[in-house]
C-alpha cells in the first residue's frame, strides 16, 4: 500500500494533562520514516484541568484539547468528530495523562470510566472495519473501555493496580517491558508500555517504533475471518 493513512489521536499537549509529547513525536517520526501519512486529530472539548508542568500544580486556566494538540501537530489537525474510519488505514493512540483525563475519565473513575463519545465512535468504527489500532502508555485502558466486551489482549506495563482496572473493563492484560509490544492478532491491536515504565526518551523510542512497525505490517494483512 502506498502511503498508508494513520490516525494519531492526541489528548492535548503535556504529559500531566494532555498527550505525552515524547510519545506523540516519536510516533509521528516513526510513521514518517516508514512512509506513512499521519492524520492528527483530537476532540474539540475542554481539558479536565490544566497543570503547570514546572510545579505540578493544577492551575485556574481552561484549555481546549484540540487547540493544545495542534501544538504537537504543527497546526495540521482535525476534530476527531469529523474523522471516519474510511479516512484511515490504522489508528494510533499515544499516552500521557490526557488519554485518561480528556479522551476518557479512567484517571478519575478507573474501571467505571466513560470514553469521550467521539473518540469511542471512531475507535469502534476503525475496529469494526478490521483496521489495526495501536496504543501506548495508559491509552490501552481507553481501548479496554471501548472494546472490553470483546476481551482484547493489552498491556499497560507491569503496574498491577492499573492492570487490575483494565481487566475489570474486560480486557486481558499481559505484563510487558518498555522495549516490547503485545500484539493481539485476533483483534488487530498492538500495545506497548512506553513511559508507564521507560526511564527516558531513547528507551521509550524502542517500544514506540516497534508498535508503529507492527501496526503498519497489519495494514497489509488480510483481516481475520473470525473476530470478537
Protein backbone atom coordinates (compact mmCIF):
# COMPACT_ATOMS: atom_id res chain seq x y z
CA UNK A 1 0.00 0.00 0.00
CA UNK A 2 1.28 3.45 -0.92
CA UNK A 3 1.39 5.93 1.95
CA UNK A 4 -0.99 4.38 4.46
CA UNK A 5 -3.03 6.95 6.37
CA UNK A 6 -2.59 6.50 10.11
CA UNK A 7 -4.69 8.45 12.56
CA UNK A 8 -2.77 9.81 15.55
CA UNK A 9 -5.24 10.59 18.31
CA UNK A 10 -3.87 13.31 20.61
CA UNK A 11 -5.15 14.37 24.02
CA UNK A 12 -3.67 17.83 24.48
CA UNK A 13 -0.05 18.86 24.93
CA UNK A 14 1.90 17.80 28.00
CA UNK A 15 2.31 14.62 29.99
CA UNK A 16 0.34 15.64 33.10
CA UNK A 17 -2.79 17.00 31.42
CA UNK A 18 -2.52 16.07 27.73
CA UNK A 19 -0.65 13.87 25.29
CA UNK A 20 2.84 12.73 26.29
CA UNK A 21 4.93 14.82 23.90
CA UNK A 22 7.83 12.38 23.50
CA UNK A 23 5.46 9.51 22.71
CA UNK A 24 3.48 11.65 20.24
CA UNK A 25 6.56 12.95 18.43
CA UNK A 26 8.22 9.52 18.33
CA UNK A 27 5.02 8.16 16.79
CA UNK A 28 4.97 10.88 14.14
CA UNK A 29 8.67 10.34 13.41
CA UNK A 30 8.31 6.57 13.08
CA UNK A 31 5.32 6.95 10.76
CA UNK A 32 7.12 9.47 8.57
CA UNK A 33 10.23 7.30 8.34
CA UNK A 34 8.07 4.35 7.33
CA UNK A 35 6.43 6.32 4.52
CA UNK A 36 3.04 6.62 6.21
CA UNK A 37 0.93 9.76 6.39
CA UNK A 38 -0.09 10.82 9.88
CA UNK A 39 -3.59 12.21 10.28
CA UNK A 40 -3.53 14.03 13.61
CA UNK A 41 -6.79 14.52 15.46
CA UNK A 42 -8.19 15.39 18.87
CA UNK A 43 -11.59 16.11 20.43
CA UNK A 44 -12.78 19.71 20.31
CA UNK A 45 -13.56 19.88 24.02
CA UNK A 46 -12.16 21.35 27.25
CA UNK A 47 -9.36 19.60 29.13
CA UNK A 48 -10.23 18.14 32.51
CA UNK A 49 -7.82 20.66 34.00
CA UNK A 50 -4.53 22.42 33.29
CA UNK A 51 -1.38 21.51 35.19
CA UNK A 52 1.68 23.73 35.50
CA UNK A 53 4.35 21.34 34.27
CA UNK A 54 7.04 23.22 36.19
CA UNK A 55 5.41 22.96 39.61
CA UNK A 56 2.99 20.07 39.10
CA UNK A 57 0.15 22.19 40.47
CA UNK A 58 -3.34 22.46 38.99
CA UNK A 59 -3.96 25.99 37.70
CA UNK A 60 -7.12 28.03 37.18
CA UNK A 61 -6.67 28.04 33.41
CA UNK A 62 -9.02 26.41 30.93
CA UNK A 63 -7.67 24.95 27.69
CA UNK A 64 -9.13 23.15 24.70
CA UNK A 65 -7.86 19.67 23.82
CA UNK A 66 -7.91 20.27 20.06
CA UNK A 67 -6.17 23.65 20.32
CA UNK A 68 -3.45 22.30 22.59
CA UNK A 69 -2.96 19.19 20.45
CA UNK A 70 -2.41 21.45 17.45
CA UNK A 71 0.90 22.48 19.04
CA UNK A 72 2.25 18.95 18.53
CA UNK A 73 0.68 18.62 15.08
CA UNK A 74 2.12 21.98 13.94
CA UNK A 75 -1.42 23.11 13.23
CA UNK A 76 -2.29 20.25 10.88
CA UNK A 77 -5.02 18.59 12.90
CA UNK A 78 -8.67 17.59 12.65
CA UNK A 79 -11.56 17.45 15.06
CA UNK A 80 -11.99 13.74 15.79
CA UNK A 81 -15.76 14.17 15.40
CA UNK A 82 -15.18 14.80 11.70
CA UNK A 83 -12.90 11.79 11.09
CA UNK A 84 -14.28 8.43 9.99
CA UNK A 85 -12.71 5.02 9.64
CA UNK A 86 -12.92 5.45 5.87
CA UNK A 87 -10.34 8.26 6.20
CA UNK A 88 -7.80 5.93 7.82
CA UNK A 89 -5.91 2.69 7.34
CA UNK A 90 -4.94 2.45 11.03
CA UNK A 91 -5.17 4.37 14.30
CA UNK A 92 -2.52 5.04 16.97
CA UNK A 93 -3.07 6.50 20.44
CA UNK A 94 -0.05 7.99 22.23
CA UNK A 95 -0.31 8.12 26.01
CA UNK A 96 0.06 10.80 28.63
CA UNK A 97 -2.42 11.57 31.40
CA UNK A 98 -4.62 13.34 28.86
CA UNK A 99 -5.51 9.98 27.34
CA UNK A 100 -7.01 9.04 30.72
CA UNK A 101 -8.35 12.51 31.55
CA UNK A 102 -9.53 14.06 28.28
CA UNK A 103 -10.16 11.13 25.93
CA UNK A 104 -11.77 9.19 28.76
CA UNK A 105 -12.00 9.58 32.55
CA UNK A 106 -10.07 6.45 33.53
CA UNK A 107 -7.71 8.58 35.65
CA UNK A 108 -10.65 9.66 37.79
CA UNK A 109 -13.07 6.73 37.67
CA UNK A 110 -10.90 3.70 36.89
CA UNK A 111 -12.95 0.68 35.84
CA UNK A 112 -16.13 2.81 35.93
CA UNK A 113 -14.74 5.12 33.26
CA UNK A 114 -16.56 6.56 30.29
CA UNK A 115 -14.90 7.33 26.96
CA UNK A 116 -15.39 10.61 25.08
CA UNK A 117 -18.26 9.80 22.67
CA UNK A 118 -16.47 11.00 19.51
CA UNK A 119 -13.37 9.02 20.45
CA UNK A 120 -15.36 5.90 21.28
CA UNK A 121 -17.24 6.14 17.99
CA UNK A 122 -14.05 6.35 15.92
CA UNK A 123 -12.34 3.52 17.81
CA UNK A 124 -15.36 1.26 17.34
CA UNK A 125 -15.64 2.17 13.66
CA UNK A 126 -11.95 1.56 12.93
CA UNK A 127 -12.10 -1.72 14.81
CA UNK A 128 -15.30 -2.81 13.05
CA UNK A 129 -13.57 -2.37 9.70
CA UNK A 130 -10.74 -4.62 10.86
CA UNK A 131 -8.16 -1.83 10.71
CA UNK A 132 -5.29 -2.04 13.21
CA UNK A 133 -5.12 0.07 16.35
CA UNK A 134 -2.01 0.82 18.39
CA UNK A 135 -1.98 2.30 21.89
CA UNK A 136 0.82 3.12 24.28
CA UNK A 137 1.37 4.08 27.91
CA UNK A 138 -2.04 4.48 29.62
CA UNK A 139 -4.00 4.68 26.34
CA UNK A 140 -4.68 0.91 26.23
CA UNK A 141 -7.04 1.49 29.16
CA UNK A 142 -9.18 3.54 26.80
CA UNK A 143 -9.30 0.62 24.36
CA UNK A 144 -10.39 -1.62 27.22
CA UNK A 145 -13.14 0.88 27.99
CA UNK A 146 -14.43 0.78 24.42
CA UNK A 147 -13.72 -2.82 23.37
CA UNK A 148 -13.64 -4.67 26.68
CA UNK A 149 -16.67 -6.77 25.79
CA UNK A 150 -14.50 -8.42 23.11
CA UNK A 151 -11.77 -9.18 25.67
CA UNK A 152 -8.75 -7.88 23.71
CA UNK A 153 -5.25 -8.62 24.97
CA UNK A 154 -3.42 -5.46 26.05
CA UNK A 155 -0.57 -4.15 28.17
CA UNK A 156 -0.01 -1.06 30.29
CA UNK A 157 3.29 -2.44 31.55
CA UNK A 158 3.64 -4.00 34.99
CA UNK A 159 1.61 -1.82 37.37
CA UNK A 160 -0.76 -4.31 38.99
CA UNK A 161 -3.37 -1.79 40.20
CA UNK A 162 -3.78 -0.33 36.73
CA UNK A 163 -3.71 -3.80 35.16
CA UNK A 164 -6.47 -4.90 37.53
CA UNK A 165 -8.67 -1.99 36.40
CA UNK A 166 -8.00 -2.88 32.75
CA UNK A 167 -9.00 -6.48 33.46
CA UNK A 168 -12.15 -5.26 35.21
CA UNK A 169 -13.09 -3.48 31.98
CA UNK A 170 -12.97 -6.85 30.21
CA UNK A 171 -9.52 -6.84 28.62
CA UNK A 172 -6.85 -9.47 29.13
CA UNK A 173 -3.66 -7.93 30.48
CA UNK A 174 -0.11 -9.12 29.77
CA UNK A 175 2.84 -7.72 31.72
CA UNK A 176 5.34 -6.26 29.29
CA UNK A 177 8.62 -4.35 29.30
CA UNK A 178 9.03 -0.96 27.68
CA UNK A 179 11.16 -2.39 24.86
CA UNK A 180 8.45 -4.85 23.81
CA UNK A 181 4.93 -4.87 22.49
CA UNK A 182 1.88 -7.05 23.00
CA UNK A 183 0.23 -7.95 19.70
CA UNK A 184 -3.36 -9.19 19.63
CA UNK A 185 -3.64 -10.52 16.09
CA UNK A 186 -7.25 -11.60 16.56
CA UNK A 187 -8.40 -8.08 17.41
CA UNK A 188 -5.64 -6.33 15.43
CA UNK A 189 -4.42 -4.33 18.43
CA UNK A 190 -0.80 -3.52 19.34
CA UNK A 191 0.16 -2.03 22.72
CA UNK A 192 3.38 -1.04 24.49
CA UNK A 193 4.08 0.47 27.95
CA UNK A 194 6.23 3.45 26.82
CA UNK A 195 6.50 5.93 29.71
CA UNK A 196 4.47 3.73 32.03
CA UNK A 197 7.88 2.10 32.54
CA UNK A 198 10.52 3.90 30.47
CA UNK A 199 13.21 5.97 32.14
CA UNK A 200 13.92 8.17 29.14
CA UNK A 201 13.18 9.02 25.54
CA UNK A 202 15.64 6.54 23.97
CA UNK A 203 14.11 3.67 25.93
CA UNK A 204 10.61 4.84 25.00
CA UNK A 205 11.56 5.03 21.33
CA UNK A 206 12.27 1.30 21.14
CA UNK A 207 8.73 0.25 22.01
CA UNK A 208 7.07 3.06 20.05
CA UNK A 209 9.00 2.22 16.89
CA UNK A 210 8.11 -1.47 17.27
CA UNK A 211 4.45 -0.60 17.77
CA UNK A 212 4.34 1.58 14.67
CA UNK A 213 6.09 -1.10 12.61
CA UNK A 214 3.68 -3.80 13.76
CA UNK A 215 0.62 -1.61 13.15
CA UNK A 216 1.80 -0.82 9.62
CA UNK A 217 2.53 -4.50 8.97
CA UNK A 218 -1.08 -5.29 9.89
CA UNK A 219 -2.39 -2.75 7.37
CA UNK A 220 -1.40 -5.08 4.53
CA UNK A 221 -2.50 -8.28 6.25
CA UNK A 222 -5.87 -9.87 5.46
CA UNK A 223 -8.50 -9.28 8.12
CA UNK A 224 -9.10 -12.46 10.17
CA UNK A 225 -12.38 -14.16 9.30
CA UNK A 226 -13.34 -14.54 12.96
CA UNK A 227 -13.00 -11.58 15.32
CA UNK A 228 -14.55 -10.56 18.59
